[in-house]
Amino acid sequence: VQLVESGGGLVQAGGSLRLSCAASGSTFGIVIMGWYRQAPGSQRELVASITSRGGVTNYADSVKGRFTISRDSARKTMYLQMNSLKPEDTGVYYCSARKTWGGPSTWGQGTQVTVSS
């Protein structure tokens, strides 16, 4: 499977962005997809995830109530709607997909999100 993110950019604090992750190739069997972010000098952290079966979502505490993860199975695309953005949301956002629980992840190339104060 190949993953391509888009939608990043520069936004002022309080603004919104919507990230997209388009999947292609062997997408059959993906059990979970997620958004991760990495700020300079920090480790990559989970932002939100969504299961393929049932669409069960999970969010980091820092984004609950502000971010919404969703997917369009027909378009093989996952989204991250980010509202009320804060400077601490700045980082490179990566899309990931796994075909087995606990197995290796496939990653996209990342998209930069910068929130100015």
Protein backbone atom coordinates (compact mmCIF):
# COMPACT_ATOMS: atom_id res chain seq x y z
CA VAL A 1 0.00 0.00 0.00
CA GLN A 2 1.13 3.55 -0.74
CA LEU A 3 0.01 6.58 1.26
CA VAL A 4 0.10 10.22 0.14
CA GLU A 5 -0.75 13.07 2.50
CA SER A 6 -1.90 16.52 1.47
CA GLY A 7 -3.52 19.60 2.99
CA GLY A 8 -0.81 20.90 5.26
CA GLY A 9 0.18 24.54 5.39
CA LEU A 10 0.59 27.66 7.48
CA VAL A 11 -2.34 28.84 9.55
CA GLN A 12 -2.87 31.26 12.41
CA ALA A 13 -3.78 30.04 15.86
CA GLY A 14 -7.50 29.38 16.07
CA GLY A 15 -7.70 28.46 12.41
CA SER A 16 -8.52 25.19 10.69
CA LEU A 17 -6.96 22.77 8.24
CA ARG A 18 -8.08 19.48 6.74
CA LEU A 19 -5.49 16.86 5.96
CA SER A 20 -6.09 14.06 3.48
CA CYS A 21 -4.37 10.70 3.10
CA ALA A 22 -4.95 8.89 -0.17
CA ALA A 23 -4.23 5.16 -0.17
CA SER A 24 -3.40 3.19 -3.28
CA GLY A 25 -2.01 -0.19 -4.23
CA SER A 26 -2.81 -3.20 -2.08
CA THR A 27 -5.28 -1.58 0.34
CA PHE A 28 -7.19 -4.80 1.00
CA GLY A 29 -6.83 -5.99 4.58
CA ILE A 30 -5.97 -2.69 6.25
CA VAL A 31 -7.26 -2.97 9.80
CA ILE A 32 -6.41 0.47 11.14
CA MET A 33 -5.19 3.83 9.87
CA GLY A 34 -3.91 6.75 11.82
CA TRP A 35 -2.42 10.21 11.88
CA TYR A 36 0.83 10.83 13.71
CA ARG A 37 2.80 14.04 14.11
CA GLN A 38 6.37 14.90 14.87
CA ALA A 39 7.53 18.26 16.14
CA PRO A 40 11.19 19.31 15.84
CA GLY A 41 13.25 17.57 18.50
CA SER A 42 10.34 15.38 19.58
CA GLN A 43 9.30 11.81 19.00
CA ARG A 44 6.52 10.92 16.61
CA GLU A 45 3.23 10.72 18.48
CA LEU A 46 -0.20 9.35 17.70
CA VAL A 47 -2.80 12.04 17.00
CA ALA A 48 -5.81 9.95 16.00
CA SER A 49 -6.68 6.55 14.60
CA ILE A 50 -9.66 4.86 12.99
CA THR A 51 -10.40 1.18 12.45
CA SER A 52 -11.48 -0.16 9.10
CA ARG A 53 -14.22 -2.29 10.63
CA GLY A 54 -16.68 -0.23 12.59
CA GLY A 55 -14.83 3.05 12.23
CA VAL A 56 -13.81 3.09 15.89
CA THR A 57 -11.82 6.24 16.60
CA ASN A 58 -9.19 7.11 19.15
CA TYR A 59 -7.66 10.52 19.89
CA ALA A 60 -4.73 11.89 21.81
CA ASP A 61 -5.93 13.86 24.82
CA SER A 62 -4.31 17.00 23.43
CA VAL A 63 -6.58 17.05 20.36
CA LYS A 64 -9.87 15.72 21.72
CA GLY A 65 -12.73 18.05 20.89
CA ARG A 66 -10.68 19.88 18.25
CA PHE A 67 -9.69 17.23 15.70
CA THR A 68 -11.88 14.75 13.87
CA ILE A 69 -10.64 11.71 11.97
CA SER A 70 -12.77 10.18 9.26
CA ARG A 71 -12.51 7.95 6.21
CA ASP A 72 -14.14 7.54 2.84
CA SER A 73 -13.78 3.88 1.94
CA ALA A 74 -14.99 4.37 -1.62
CA ARG A 75 -12.31 6.97 -2.25
CA LYS A 76 -9.72 5.10 -0.14
CA THR A 77 -9.02 8.35 1.63
CA MET A 78 -8.67 9.26 5.27
CA TYR A 79 -9.09 12.77 6.63
CA LEU A 80 -8.11 14.78 9.67
CA GLN A 81 -10.19 17.88 10.29
CA MET A 82 -8.24 20.15 12.61
CA ASN A 83 -10.04 23.06 14.25
CA SER A 84 -8.99 25.59 16.89
CA LEU A 85 -5.37 24.98 16.00
CA LYS A 86 -2.68 25.90 18.49
CA PRO A 87 1.03 26.62 17.98
CA GLU A 88 1.80 23.34 19.76
CA ASP A 89 0.02 21.49 16.94
CA THR A 90 2.91 22.45 14.66
CA GLY A 91 4.79 19.53 13.15
CA VAL A 92 5.00 17.10 10.30
CA TYR A 93 1.85 15.01 10.08
CA TYR A 94 2.16 11.44 8.84
CA CYS A 95 -0.47 9.01 7.68
CA SER A 96 -0.05 5.36 8.61
CA ALA A 97 -1.77 2.07 7.86
CA ARG A 98 -1.48 -1.43 9.29
CA LYS A 99 -2.72 -4.74 7.98
CA THR A 100 -2.25 -6.67 11.20
CA TRP A 101 -2.82 -5.65 14.81
CA GLY A 102 0.57 -4.90 16.26
CA GLY A 103 2.25 -5.41 12.92
CA PRO A 104 4.43 -3.00 10.97
CA SER A 105 3.05 0.29 9.70
CA THR A 106 3.25 1.77 6.24
CA TRP A 107 3.93 5.50 6.28
CA GLY A 108 3.32 8.40 3.99
CA GLN A 109 5.92 11.06 3.29
CA GLY A 110 4.36 13.57 5.68
CA THR A 111 2.86 17.02 5.33
CA GLN A 112 3.98 20.09 7.27
CA VAL A 113 1.52 21.93 9.51
CA THR A 114 2.65 25.22 10.98
CA VAL A 115 0.46 27.18 13.38
CA SER A 116 1.58 30.74 14.08
CA SER A 117 0.71 32.54 17.30
